[in-house]
PDB file of N, CA and C in Angstrom:
ATOM      1  N   MET A   1       0.895  -1.287  -0.037  1.00  0.00           N
ATOM      2  CA  MET A   1      -0.070   0.052   0.075  1.00  0.00           C
ATOM      3  C   MET A   1       0.859   1.141  -0.054  1.00  0.00           C
ATOM      4  N   LYS A   2       0.394   2.311  -0.881  1.00  0.00           N
ATOM      5  CA  LYS A   2       1.088   3.564  -0.911  1.00  0.00           C
ATOM      6  C   LYS A   2       0.414   4.522  -0.023  1.00  0.00           C
ATOM      7  N   LEU A   3       1.200   5.473   0.384  1.00  0.00           N
ATOM      8  CA  LEU A   3       0.462   6.644   1.318  1.00  0.00           C
ATOM      9  C   LEU A   3      -0.264   7.232   0.540  1.00  0.00           C
ATOM     10  N   PRO A   4      -1.568   7.177   1.152  1.00  0.00           N
ATOM     11  CA  PRO A   4      -2.630   7.998   0.557  1.00  0.00           C
ATOM     12  C   PRO A   4      -2.437   9.358   0.299  1.00  0.00           C
ATOM     13  N   ARG A   5      -2.901   9.959  -0.641  1.00  0.00           N
ATOM     14  CA  ARG A   5      -2.789  11.520  -1.198  1.00  0.00           C
ATOM     15  C   ARG A   5      -1.146  11.779  -1.079  1.00  0.00           C
ATOM     16  N   ALA A   6      -0.378  11.000  -1.372  1.00  0.00           N
ATOM     17  CA  ALA A   6       1.100  11.171  -1.269  1.00  0.00           C
ATOM     18  C   ALA A   6       1.658  12.521  -2.222  1.00  0.00           C
ATOM     19  N   ALA A   7       0.739  12.594  -3.417  1.00  0.00           N
ATOM     20  CA  ALA A   7       1.083  13.602  -4.346  1.00  0.00           C
ATOM     21  C   ALA A   7       0.946  15.081  -3.478  1.00  0.00           C
ATOM     22  N   ARG A   8       0.237  15.158  -2.457  1.00  0.00           N
ATOM     23  CA  ARG A   8       0.057  16.328  -1.785  1.00  0.00           C
ATOM     24  C   ARG A   8       0.673  16.522  -0.461  1.00  0.00           C
ATOM     25  N   ALA A   9       1.709  15.515  -0.407  1.00  0.00           N
ATOM     26  CA  ALA A   9       2.417  15.452   1.048  1.00  0.00           C
ATOM     27  C   ALA A   9       3.363  16.656   1.177  1.00  0.00           C
ATOM     28  N   ARG A  10       3.202  17.108   2.607  1.00  0.00           N
ATOM     29  CA  ARG A  10       3.951  18.477   3.015  1.00  0.00           C
ATOM     30  C   ARG A  10       5.221  17.939   3.786  1.00  0.00           C
ATOM     31  N   VAL A  11       6.107  18.525   3.583  1.00  0.00           N
ATOM     32  CA  VAL A  11       7.248  18.573   4.736  1.00  0.00           C
ATOM     33  C   VAL A  11       7.697  19.981   4.924  1.00  0.00           C
ATOM     34  N   ASP A  12       7.650  20.257   6.157  1.00  0.00           N
ATOM     35  CA  ASP A  12       7.797  21.922   6.982  1.00  0.00           C
ATOM     36  C   ASP A  12       9.267  22.082   6.999  1.00  0.00           C
ATOM     37  N   GLY A  13       9.703  23.395   6.494  1.00  0.00           N
ATOM     38  CA  GLY A  13      11.094  23.592   6.557  1.00  0.00           C
ATOM     39  C   GLY A  13      11.462  23.695   7.855  1.00  0.00           C
ATOM     40  N   GLY A  14      10.793  24.071   9.001  1.00  0.00           N
ATOM     41  CA  GLY A  14      10.832  24.163  10.269  1.00  0.00           C
ATOM     42  C   GLY A  14      11.266  22.663  11.123  1.00  0.00           C
ATOM     43  N   LYS A  15      10.575  21.899  10.514  1.00  0.00           N
ATOM     44  CA  LYS A  15      10.800  20.351  11.157  1.00  0.00           C
ATOM     45  C   LYS A  15      12.185  19.786  10.719  1.00  0.00           C
ATOM     46  N   VAL A  16      12.272  20.176   9.138  1.00  0.00           N
ATOM     47  CA  VAL A  16      13.534  19.618   8.772  1.00  0.00           C
ATOM     48  C   VAL A  16      14.650  20.455   9.300  1.00  0.00           C
ATOM     49  N   VAL A  17      14.762  21.625   9.507  1.00  0.00           N
ATOM     50  CA  VAL A  17      15.986  22.491   9.657  1.00  0.00           C
ATOM     51  C   VAL A  17      15.960  22.434  11.435  1.00  0.00           C
ATOM     52  N   GLY A  18      15.107  22.598  12.125  1.00  0.00           N
ATOM     53  CA  GLY A  18      14.943  22.668  13.570  1.00  0.00           C
ATOM     54  C   GLY A  18      14.993  21.492  14.309  1.00  0.00           C
ATOM     55  N   TYR A  19      14.824  20.343  13.427  1.00  0.00           N
ATOM     56  CA  TYR A  19      14.624  18.937  14.030  1.00  0.00           C
ATOM     57  C   TYR A  19      15.682  17.822  13.325  1.00  0.00           C
ATOM     58  N   LEU A  20      15.096  17.317  12.310  1.00  0.00           N
ATOM     59  CA  LEU A  20      15.903  16.471  11.355  1.00  0.00           C
ATOM     60  C   LEU A  20      17.307  16.669  11.130  1.00  0.00           C
ATOM     61  N   LEU A  21      17.571  17.908  11.022  1.00  0.00           N
ATOM     62  CA  LEU A  21      19.010  18.283  10.515  1.00  0.00           C
ATOM     63  C   LEU A  21      19.841  19.078  11.484  1.00  0.00           C
ATOM     64  N   SER A  22      19.210  19.049  12.893  1.00  0.00           N
ATOM     65  CA  SER A  22      19.592  20.154  13.884  1.00  0.00           C
ATOM     66  C   SER A  22      20.517  19.231  14.883  1.00  0.00           C
ATOM     67  N   PRO A  23      22.005  19.553  14.834  1.00  0.00           N
ATOM     68  CA  PRO A  23      22.773  18.709  15.765  1.00  0.00           C
ATOM     69  C   PRO A  23      22.751  19.306  17.252  1.00  0.00           C
ATOM     70  N   HIS A  24      21.679  20.250  17.647  1.00  0.00           N
ATOM     71  CA  HIS A  24      21.555  20.565  18.789  1.00  0.00           C
ATOM     72  C   HIS A  24      20.577  20.346  19.539  1.00  0.00           C
ATOM     73  N   HIS A  25      19.269  19.714  18.551  1.00  0.00           N
ATOM     74  CA  HIS A  25      18.160  19.280  19.134  1.00  0.00           C
ATOM     75  C   HIS A  25      18.196  17.983  19.876  1.00  0.00           C
ATOM     76  N   PRO A  26      17.517  17.868  21.160  1.00  0.00           N
ATOM     77  CA  PRO A  26      17.998  16.694  21.967  1.00  0.00           C
ATOM     78  C   PRO A  26      17.438  15.446  21.230  1.00  0.00           C
ATOM     79  N   ASP A  27      16.293  15.476  20.646  1.00  0.00           N
ATOM     80  CA  ASP A  27      15.712  14.177  19.950  1.00  0.00           C
ATOM     81  C   ASP A  27      16.105  14.209  18.597  1.00  0.00           C
ATOM     82  N   GLY A  28      16.671  15.190  18.033  1.00  0.00           N
ATOM     83  CA  GLY A  28      16.855  15.325  16.679  1.00  0.00           C
ATOM     84  C   GLY A  28      18.331  14.819  16.277  1.00  0.00           C
ATOM     85  N   ARG A  29      19.037  15.070  17.287  1.00  0.00           N
ATOM     86  CA  ARG A  29      20.871  15.110  16.907  1.00  0.00           C
ATOM     87  C   ARG A  29      21.161  13.903  16.362  1.00  0.00           C
ATOM     88  N   SER A  30      20.673  12.526  16.715  1.00  0.00           N
ATOM     89  CA  SER A  30      21.378  11.418  16.205  1.00  0.00           C
ATOM     90  C   SER A  30      20.485  11.343  14.579  1.00  0.00           C
ATOM     91  N   LYS A  31      19.556  11.890  14.400  1.00  0.00           N
ATOM     92  CA  LYS A  31      18.992  11.705  13.114  1.00  0.00           C
ATOM     93  C   LYS A  31      19.754  12.734  12.130  1.00  0.00           C
ATOM     94  N   ALA A  32      20.196  13.885  12.562  1.00  0.00           N
ATOM     95  CA  ALA A  32      21.106  14.773  12.137  1.00  0.00           C
ATOM     96  C   ALA A  32      22.224  14.270  11.581  1.00  0.00           C
ATOM     97  N   ALA A  33      22.991  13.602  12.561  1.00  0.00           N
ATOM     98  CA  ALA A  33      24.300  13.064  12.292  1.00  0.00           C
ATOM     99  C   ALA A  33      24.009  11.865  11.116  1.00  0.00           C
ATOM    100  N   PHE A  34      22.986  10.856  11.167  1.00  0.00           N
ATOM    101  CA  PHE A  34      22.838   9.945  10.426  1.00  0.00           C
ATOM    102  C   PHE A  34      22.690  10.518   8.822  1.00  0.00           C
ATOM    103  N   PHE A  35      21.654  11.537   8.685  1.00  0.00           N
ATOM    104  CA  PHE A  35      21.300  12.051   7.495  1.00  0.00           C
ATOM    105  C   PHE A  35      22.371  12.857   7.068  1.00  0.00           C
ATOM    106  N   GLY A  36      23.080  13.668   7.984  1.00  0.00           N
ATOM    107  CA  GLY A  36      24.271  14.645   7.425  1.00  0.00           C
ATOM    108  C   GLY A  36      25.609  13.612   6.878  1.00  0.00           C
ATOM    109  N   ALA A  37      25.562  12.416   7.258  1.00  0.00           N
ATOM    110  CA  ALA A  37      26.382  11.415   6.892  1.00  0.00           C
ATOM    111  C   ALA A  37      26.232  11.068   5.504  1.00  0.00           C
ATOM    112  N   PHE A  38      25.102  11.234   4.998  1.00  0.00           N
ATOM    113  CA  PHE A  38      24.751  11.028   3.431  1.00  0.00           C
ATOM    114  C   PHE A  38      24.491  12.255   2.829  1.00  0.00           C
ATOM    115  N   GLY A  39      25.162  13.473   3.308  1.00  0.00           N
ATOM    116  CA  GLY A  39      25.298  14.638   2.602  1.00  0.00           C
ATOM    117  C   GLY A  39      24.252  15.659   2.433  1.00  0.00           C
ATOM    118  N   PHE A  40      23.273  15.363   3.441  1.00  0.00           N
ATOM    119  CA  PHE A  40      22.187  16.605   3.624  1.00  0.00           C
ATOM    120  C   PHE A  40      22.659  17.550   4.647  1.00  0.00           C
ATOM    121  N   ASN A  41      22.235  18.984   4.610  1.00  0.00           N
ATOM    122  CA  ASN A  41      22.455  19.672   5.298  1.00  0.00           C
ATOM    123  C   ASN A  41      21.629  20.656   5.547  1.00  0.00           C
ATOM    124  N   PRO A  42      21.347  21.697   6.746  1.00  0.00           N
ATOM    125  CA  PRO A  42      20.567  22.682   6.911  1.00  0.00           C
ATOM    126  C   PRO A  42      20.460  23.840   5.744  1.00  0.00           C
ATOM    127  N   VAL A  43      21.665  24.048   5.156  1.00  0.00           N
ATOM    128  CA  VAL A  43      21.907  24.994   4.283  1.00  0.00           C
ATOM    129  C   VAL A  43      20.934  24.662   2.970  1.00  0.00           C
ATOM    130  N   ARG A  44      20.946  23.340   2.635  1.00  0.00           N
ATOM    131  CA  ARG A  44      20.156  22.926   1.331  1.00  0.00           C
ATOM    132  C   ARG A  44      19.112  22.075   1.805  1.00  0.00           C
ATOM    133  N   TRP A  45      18.424  22.476   2.717  1.00  0.00           N
ATOM    134  CA  TRP A  45      17.426  21.695   3.456  1.00  0.00           C
ATOM    135  C   TRP A  45      16.302  21.277   2.374  1.00  0.00           C
ATOM    136  N   GLU A  46      15.946  22.215   1.489  1.00  0.00           N
ATOM    137  CA  GLU A  46      14.692  21.856   0.376  1.00  0.00           C
ATOM    138  C   GLU A  46      15.288  20.639  -0.283  1.00  0.00           C
ATOM    139  N   LEU A  47      16.517  20.301  -0.457  1.00  0.00           N
ATOM    140  CA  LEU A  47      16.908  19.059  -1.363  1.00  0.00           C
ATOM    141  C   LEU A  47      16.452  17.821  -0.287  1.00  0.00           C
ATOM    142  N   PHE A  48      16.771  18.021   0.953  1.00  0.00           N
ATOM    143  CA  PHE A  48      16.284  17.026   1.858  1.00  0.00           C
ATOM    144  C   PHE A  48      14.792  16.791   1.969  1.00  0.00           C
ATOM    145  N   ALA A  49      14.038  18.043   2.012  1.00  0.00           N
ATOM    146  CA  ALA A  49      12.434  17.879   2.139  1.00  0.00           C
ATOM    147  C   ALA A  49      12.045  17.227   0.880  1.00  0.00           C
ATOM    148  N   ALA A  50      12.857  17.411  -0.445  1.00  0.00           N
ATOM    149  CA  ALA A  50      12.154  16.714  -1.544  1.00  0.00           C
ATOM    150  C   ALA A  50      12.434  15.318  -1.644  1.00  0.00           C
ATOM    151  N   ALA A  51      13.511  14.718  -1.090  1.00  0.00           N
ATOM    152  CA  ALA A  51      13.854  13.392  -0.829  1.00  0.00           C
ATOM    153  C   ALA A  51      13.105  12.788   0.153  1.00  0.00           C
ATOM    154  N   LEU A  52      12.668  13.521   1.317  1.00  0.00           N
ATOM    155  CA  LEU A  52      11.570  12.983   1.985  1.00  0.00           C
ATOM    156  C   LEU A  52      10.291  12.443   1.276  1.00  0.00           C
ATOM    157  N   ARG A  53       9.799  13.575   0.912  1.00  0.00           N
ATOM    158  CA  ARG A  53       8.594  13.548  -0.038  1.00  0.00           C
ATOM    159  C   ARG A  53       8.726  12.569  -1.087  1.00  0.00           C
ATOM    160  N   ASP A  54       9.737  12.308  -1.645  1.00  0.00           N
ATOM    161  CA  ASP A  54       9.957  11.271  -2.577  1.00  0.00           C
ATOM    162  C   ASP A  54       9.775  10.040  -2.047  1.00  0.00           C
ATOM    163  N   GLN A  55      10.365   9.769  -0.904  1.00  0.00           N
ATOM    164  CA  GLN A  55      10.297   8.293  -0.349  1.00  0.00           C
ATOM    165  C   GLN A  55       8.981   8.341   0.048  1.00  0.00           C
ATOM    166  N   GLY A  56       8.328   9.122   0.596  1.00  0.00           N
ATOM    167  CA  GLY A  56       6.798   9.031   1.009  1.00  0.00           C
ATOM    168  C   GLY A  56       5.939   8.526  -0.053  1.00  0.00           C
ATOM    169  N   THR A  57       6.225   9.258  -1.142  1.00  0.00           N
ATOM    170  CA  THR A  57       5.484   8.792  -2.424  1.00  0.00           C
ATOM    171  C   THR A  57       5.927   7.501  -2.844  1.00  0.00           C
ATOM    172  N   LYS A  58       7.014   7.024  -2.910  1.00  0.00           N
ATOM    173  CA  LYS A  58       7.484   5.788  -3.551  1.00  0.00           C
ATOM    174  C   LYS A  58       7.383   4.622  -2.695  1.00  0.00           C
ATOM    175  N   GLY A  59       7.745   4.674  -1.260  1.00  0.00           N
ATOM    176  CA  GLY A  59       8.037   3.789  -0.189  1.00  0.00           C
ATOM    177  C   GLY A  59       6.494   3.005  -0.091  1.00  0.00           C
ATOM    178  N   GLU A  60       6.669   1.823   0.615  1.00  0.00           N
ATOM    179  CA  GLU A  60       5.426   1.185   1.152  1.00  0.00           C
ATOM    180  C   GLU A  60       5.084   1.402   2.385  1.00  0.00           C
ATOM    181  N   VAL A  61       3.796   1.716   2.503  1.00  0.00           N
ATOM    182  CA  VAL A  61       3.091   1.702   4.039  1.00  0.00           C
ATOM    183  C   VAL A  61       3.506   0.638   4.904  1.00  0.00           C
ATOM    184  N   ALA A  62       4.168   0.649   6.063  1.00  0.00           N
ATOM    185  CA  ALA A  62       4.660  -0.512   6.911  1.00  0.00           C
ATOM    186  C   ALA A  62       3.628  -0.714   8.066  1.00  0.00           C
ATOM    187  N   ALA A  63       3.093   0.351   8.404  1.00  0.00           N
ATOM    188  CA  ALA A  63       2.273   0.329   9.737  1.00  0.00           C
ATOM    189  C   ALA A  63       1.220   1.541   9.567  1.00  0.00           C
ATOM    190  N   ILE A  64       0.145   1.445  10.116  1.00  0.00           N
ATOM    191  CA  ILE A  64      -1.020   2.544  10.286  1.00  0.00           C
ATOM    192  C   ILE A  64      -1.435   2.424  11.724  1.00  0.00           C
ATOM    193  N   ALA A  65      -1.532   3.662  12.340  1.00  0.00           N
ATOM    194  CA  ALA A  65      -2.019   3.706  13.623  1.00  0.00           C
ATOM    195  C   ALA A  65      -2.991   4.996  13.535  1.00  0.00           C
ATOM    196  N   THR A  66      -4.145   4.818  14.256  1.00  0.00           N
ATOM    197  CA  THR A  66      -5.142   6.020  14.450  1.00  0.00           C
ATOM    198  C   THR A  66      -5.430   6.396  15.677  1.00  0.00           C
ATOM    199  N   SER A  67      -5.574   7.893  15.901  1.00  0.00           N
ATOM    200  CA  SER A  67      -5.375   8.240  17.097  1.00  0.00           C
ATOM    201  C   SER A  67      -6.404   9.548  17.077  1.00  0.00           C
ATOM    202  N   GLU A  68      -6.600  10.417  18.320  1.00  0.00           N
ATOM    203  CA  GLU A  68      -7.521  11.570  18.219  1.00  0.00           C
ATOM    204  C   GLU A  68      -6.910  12.517  17.312  1.00  0.00           C
ATOM    205  N   TYR A  69      -5.390  12.450  16.838  1.00  0.00           N
ATOM    206  CA  TYR A  69      -4.840  13.356  16.305  1.00  0.00           C
ATOM    207  C   TYR A  69      -5.044  13.159  14.541  1.00  0.00           C
ATOM    208  N   GLY A  70      -5.340  11.990  14.213  1.00  0.00           N
ATOM    209  CA  GLY A  70      -5.496  11.616  12.850  1.00  0.00           C
ATOM    210  C   GLY A  70      -4.937   9.948  12.569  1.00  0.00           C
ATOM    211  N   THR A  71      -4.474   9.902  11.277  1.00  0.00           N
ATOM    212  CA  THR A  71      -4.166   8.477  11.266  1.00  0.00           C
ATOM    213  C   THR A  71      -2.608   8.868  10.475  1.00  0.00           C
ATOM    214  N   ARG A  72      -1.590   7.922  11.284  1.00  0.00           N
ATOM    215  CA  ARG A  72      -0.266   8.058  11.104  1.00  0.00           C
ATOM    216  C   ARG A  72       0.036   6.748  10.343  1.00  0.00           C
ATOM    217  N   TYR A  73       0.879   7.190   9.328  1.00  0.00           N
ATOM    218  CA  TYR A  73       1.254   6.189   8.406  1.00  0.00           C
ATOM    219  C   TYR A  73       2.846   6.186   8.358  1.00  0.00           C
ATOM    220  N   SER A  74       3.493   4.929   8.734  1.00  0.00           N
ATOM    221  CA  SER A  74       4.888   4.629   8.534  1.00  0.00           C
ATOM    222  C   SER A  74       5.277   4.098   7.271  1.00  0.00           C
ATOM    223  N   VAL A  75       6.216   4.645   6.560  1.00  0.00           N
ATOM    224  CA  VAL A  75       6.399   4.406   5.063  1.00  0.00           C
ATOM    225  C   VAL A  75       8.088   4.003   5.006  1.00  0.00           C
ATOM    226  N   ASP A  76       8.224   2.689   4.648  1.00  0.00           N
ATOM    227  CA  ASP A  76       9.681   2.320   4.407  1.00  0.00           C
ATOM    228  C   ASP A  76      10.014   2.202   3.061  1.00  0.00           C
ATOM    229  N   GLY A  77      11.265   2.586   3.098  1.00  0.00           N
ATOM    230  CA  GLY A  77      11.937   2.649   1.424  1.00  0.00           C
ATOM    231  C   GLY A  77      13.216   3.341   1.505  1.00  0.00           C
ATOM    232  N   VAL A  78      13.749   3.380   0.325  1.00  0.00           N
ATOM    233  CA  VAL A  78      15.088   4.098   0.042  1.00  0.00           C
ATOM    234  C   VAL A  78      14.951   5.408  -0.106  1.00  0.00           C
ATOM    235  N   ILE A  79      15.845   6.445   0.338  1.00  0.00           N
ATOM    236  CA  ILE A  79      15.829   7.662   0.259  1.00  0.00           C
ATOM    237  C   ILE A  79      16.989   8.061  -0.624  1.00  0.00           C
ATOM    238  N   GLU A  80      16.905   8.975  -1.702  1.00  0.00           N
ATOM    239  CA  GLU A  80      18.128   9.128  -2.622  1.00  0.00           C
ATOM    240  C   GLU A  80      18.618  10.035  -1.901  1.00  0.00           C
ATOM    241  N   THR A  81      20.024  10.124  -1.673  1.00  0.00           N
ATOM    242  CA  THR A  81      20.999  11.195  -0.990  1.00  0.00           C
ATOM    243  C   THR A  81      21.867  11.872  -1.855  1.00  0.00           C
ATOM    244  N   PRO A  82      22.565  13.009  -1.546  1.00  0.00           N
ATOM    245  CA  PRO A  82      23.436  13.658  -2.100  1.00  0.00           C
ATOM    246  C   PRO A  82      24.820  12.721  -2.547  1.00  0.00           C
ATOM    247  N   ASP A  83      25.072  11.956  -1.585  1.00  0.00           N
ATOM    248  CA  ASP A  83      26.252  10.988  -2.107  1.00  0.00           C
ATOM    249  C   ASP A  83      26.003   9.626  -2.682  1.00  0.00           C
ATOM    250  N   GLY A  84      24.820   9.402  -2.970  1.00  0.00           N
ATOM    251  CA  GLY A  84      24.431   8.379  -3.796  1.00  0.00           C
ATOM    252  C   GLY A  84      24.375   6.858  -3.003  1.00  0.00           C
ATOM    253  N   ARG A  85      24.496   6.863  -1.750  1.00  0.00           N
ATOM    254  CA  ARG A  85      24.420   5.682  -0.986  1.00  0.00           C
ATOM    255  C   ARG A  85      23.156   5.194  -0.872  1.00  0.00           C
ATOM    256  N   ASN A  86      22.091   5.972  -0.621  1.00  0.00           N
ATOM    257  CA  ASN A  86      20.645   5.853  -0.624  1.00  0.00           C
ATOM    258  C   ASN A  86      20.202   4.601   0.405  1.00  0.00           C
ATOM    259  N   PRO A  87      20.363   5.070   1.688  1.00  0.00           N
ATOM    260  CA  PRO A  87      19.784   4.091   2.872  1.00  0.00           C
ATOM    261  C   PRO A  87      18.517   3.846   2.818  1.00  0.00           C
ATOM    262  N   ARG A  88      17.798   2.773   3.311  1.00  0.00           N
ATOM    263  CA  ARG A  88      16.726   2.593   3.645  1.00  0.00           C
ATOM    264  C   ARG A  88      16.158   3.407   5.060  1.00  0.00           C
ATOM    265  N   VAL A  89      15.079   4.106   4.764  1.00  0.00           N
ATOM    266  CA  VAL A  89      14.579   4.948   5.857  1.00  0.00           C
ATOM    267  C   VAL A  89      13.274   4.540   6.363  1.00  0.00           C
ATOM    268  N   ARG A  90      12.705   5.154   7.375  1.00  0.00           N
ATOM    269  CA  ARG A  90      11.275   5.062   7.630  1.00  0.00           C
ATOM    270  C   ARG A  90      11.016   6.438   7.918  1.00  0.00           C
ATOM    271  N   THR A  91       9.801   7.017   7.130  1.00  0.00           N
ATOM    272  CA  THR A  91       9.161   8.276   7.216  1.00  0.00           C
ATOM    273  C   THR A  91       7.812   8.185   8.106  1.00  0.00           C
ATOM    274  N   VAL A  92       7.535   9.070   8.661  1.00  0.00           N
ATOM    275  CA  VAL A  92       6.180   8.820   9.301  1.00  0.00           C
ATOM    276  C   VAL A  92       5.534  10.099   9.146  1.00  0.00           C
ATOM    277  N   TRP A  93       4.285  10.013   8.498  1.00  0.00           N
ATOM    278  CA  TRP A  93       3.290  10.887   8.074  1.00  0.00           C
ATOM    279  C   TRP A  93       1.858  10.971   8.915  1.00  0.00           C
ATOM    280  N   ILE A  94       1.356  12.082   9.118  1.00  0.00           N
ATOM    281  CA  ILE A  94       0.014  11.958   9.620  1.00  0.00           C
ATOM    282  C   ILE A  94      -1.010  12.718   8.628  1.00  0.00           C
ATOM    283  N   ILE A  95      -2.021  11.933   8.578  1.00  0.00           N
ATOM    284  CA  ILE A  95      -3.448  12.681   7.874  1.00  0.00           C
ATOM    285  C   ILE A  95      -4.416  13.050   8.844  1.00  0.00           C
ATOM    286  N   GLU A  96      -4.746  14.312   8.863  1.00  0.00           N
ATOM    287  CA  GLU A  96      -5.850  14.825   9.741  1.00  0.00           C
ATOM    288  C   GLU A  96      -7.192  14.847   8.884  1.00  0.00           C
ATOM    289  N   GLY A  97      -8.200  13.927   9.278  1.00  0.00           N
ATOM    290  CA  GLY A  97      -9.244  14.095   8.454  1.00  0.00           C
ATOM    291  C   GLY A  97      -9.203  13.849   6.902  1.00  0.00           C
ATOM    292  N   ASP A  98      -9.519  14.849   6.199  1.00  0.00           N
ATOM    293  CA  ASP A  98      -9.167  14.736   4.664  1.00  0.00           C
ATOM    294  C   ASP A  98      -8.058  15.365   3.968  1.00  0.00           C
ATOM    295  N   GLY A  99      -7.311  15.943   5.057  1.00  0.00           N
ATOM    296  CA  GLY A  99      -6.074  16.723   4.709  1.00  0.00           C
ATOM    297  C   GLY A  99      -5.010  16.156   3.904  1.00  0.00           C
ATOM    298  N   GLU A 100      -3.853  16.640   3.992  1.00  0.00           N
ATOM    299  CA  GLU A 100      -2.841  16.096   3.123  1.00  0.00           C
ATOM    300  C   GLU A 100      -1.866  15.515   4.210  1.00  0.00           C
ATOM    301  N   PRO A 101      -1.037  14.588   3.800  1.00  0.00           N
ATOM    302  CA  PRO A 101      -0.145  13.805   4.525  1.00  0.00           C
ATOM    303  C   PRO A 101       0.939  14.926   4.967  1.00  0.00           C
ATOM    304  N   ARG A 102       1.300  14.846   6.334  1.00  0.00           N
ATOM    305  CA  ARG A 102       2.259  15.894   6.773  1.00  0.00           C
ATOM    306  C   ARG A 102       3.411  15.011   7.501  1.00  0.00           C
ATOM    307  N   LEU A 103       4.684  15.325   7.269  1.00  0.00           N
ATOM    308  CA  LEU A 103       5.768  14.494   7.829  1.00  0.00           C
ATOM    309  C   LEU A 103       5.809  14.921   9.140  1.00  0.00           C
ATOM    310  N   ILE A 104       5.897  13.829  10.041  1.00  0.00           N
ATOM    311  CA  ILE A 104       6.190  13.867  11.371  1.00  0.00           C
ATOM    312  C   ILE A 104       7.494  13.657  11.921  1.00  0.00           C
ATOM    313  N   THR A 105       8.159  12.498  11.366  1.00  0.00           N
ATOM    314  CA  THR A 105       9.531  12.477  11.518  1.00  0.00           C
ATOM    315  C   THR A 105      10.172  11.389  10.370  1.00  0.00           C
ATOM    316  N   ALA A 106      11.404  11.287  10.383  1.00  0.00           N
ATOM    317  CA  ALA A 106      12.155  10.219   9.627  1.00  0.00           C
ATOM    318  C   ALA A 106      13.187   9.752  10.512  1.00  0.00           C
ATOM    319  N   HIS A 107      13.628   8.494  10.249  1.00  0.00           N
ATOM    320  CA  HIS A 107      14.819   7.845  10.889  1.00  0.00           C
ATOM    321  C   HIS A 107      15.244   6.659  10.165  1.00  0.00           C
ATOM    322  N   PRO A 108      16.456   6.186  10.521  1.00  0.00           N
ATOM    323  CA  PRO A 108      17.201   4.862   9.860  1.00  0.00           C
ATOM    324  C   PRO A 108      16.098   3.952   9.841  1.00  0.00           C
ATOM    325  N   SER A 109      16.130   3.072   8.820  1.00  0.00           N
ATOM    326  CA  SER A 109      15.269   1.721   8.971  1.00  0.00           C
ATOM    327  C   SER A 109      16.055   0.892   9.923  1.00  0.00           C
ATOM    328  N   ARG A 110      14.960   0.186  10.842  1.00  0.00           N
ATOM    329  CA  ARG A 110      15.685  -0.749  11.800  1.00  0.00           C
ATOM    330  C   ARG A 110      16.091  -2.081  11.121  1.00  0.00           C
ATOM    331  N   ARG A 111      15.884  -2.086   9.663  1.00  0.00           N
ATOM    332  CA  ARG A 111      16.085  -3.483   9.216  1.00  0.00           C
ATOM    333  C   ARG A 111      17.664  -3.329   9.202  1.00  0.00           C
ATOM    334  N   ARG A 112      18.210  -4.606   8.849  1.00  0.00           N
ATOM    335  CA  ARG A 112      19.477  -5.040   9.005  1.00  0.00           C
ATOM    336  C   ARG A 112      20.293  -4.403   7.822  1.00  0.00           C
ATOM    337  N   ASP A 113      19.546  -4.093   6.518  1.00  0.00           N
ATOM    338  CA  ASP A 113      20.164  -3.632   5.396  1.00  0.00           C
ATOM    339  C   ASP A 113      20.121  -2.108   5.345  1.00  0.00           C
ATOM    340  N   ALA A 114      19.822  -1.385   6.441  1.00  0.00           N
ATOM    341  CA  ALA A 114      19.471   0.222   6.695  1.00  0.00           C
ATOM    342  C   ALA A 114      20.567   0.834   5.639  1.00  0.00           C
ATOM    343  N   GLY A 115      21.948   0.469   5.978  1.00  0.00           N
ATOM    344  CA  GLY A 115      22.846   1.351   5.001  1.00  0.00           C
ATOM    345  C   GLY A 115      23.314   0.931   3.776  1.00  0.00           C
ATOM    346  N   ARG A 116      22.475  -0.058   3.298  1.00  0.00           N
ATOM    347  CA  ARG A 116      22.813  -0.526   1.810  1.00  0.00           C
ATOM    348  C   ARG A 116      21.808   0.002   0.750  1.00  0.00           C
ATOM    349  N   THR A 117      22.230   0.221  -0.422  1.00  0.00           N
ATOM    350  CA  THR A 117      21.272   0.626  -1.523  1.00  0.00           C
ATOM    351  C   THR A 117      20.721  -0.643  -1.940  1.00  0.00           C
TER     352      THR A 117
END
């Protein structure tokens, strides 16, 4: 299954710069180190946002959870990186009502092949 309404997926710049690529964020710094090792950085955050959107569109939904906030979709797949190593990652999206998917987080896949293309 693919992410519903993936063509309308939204990745907020503040989430990317202030969390996923921030070496100073208490919860995001390990993610920043991981994604930074593949060539992503806050200066060109739009490149990372586009890669996350692309992964959300092409990857497969691995889990779905419903809460009072909306429906959360975990999407597994390869992300295209500036250095071309393209690791497997999991992106997590939320859809509130009939809205578009909004990125919540991204992290390395927990599968053994997480660092391989």
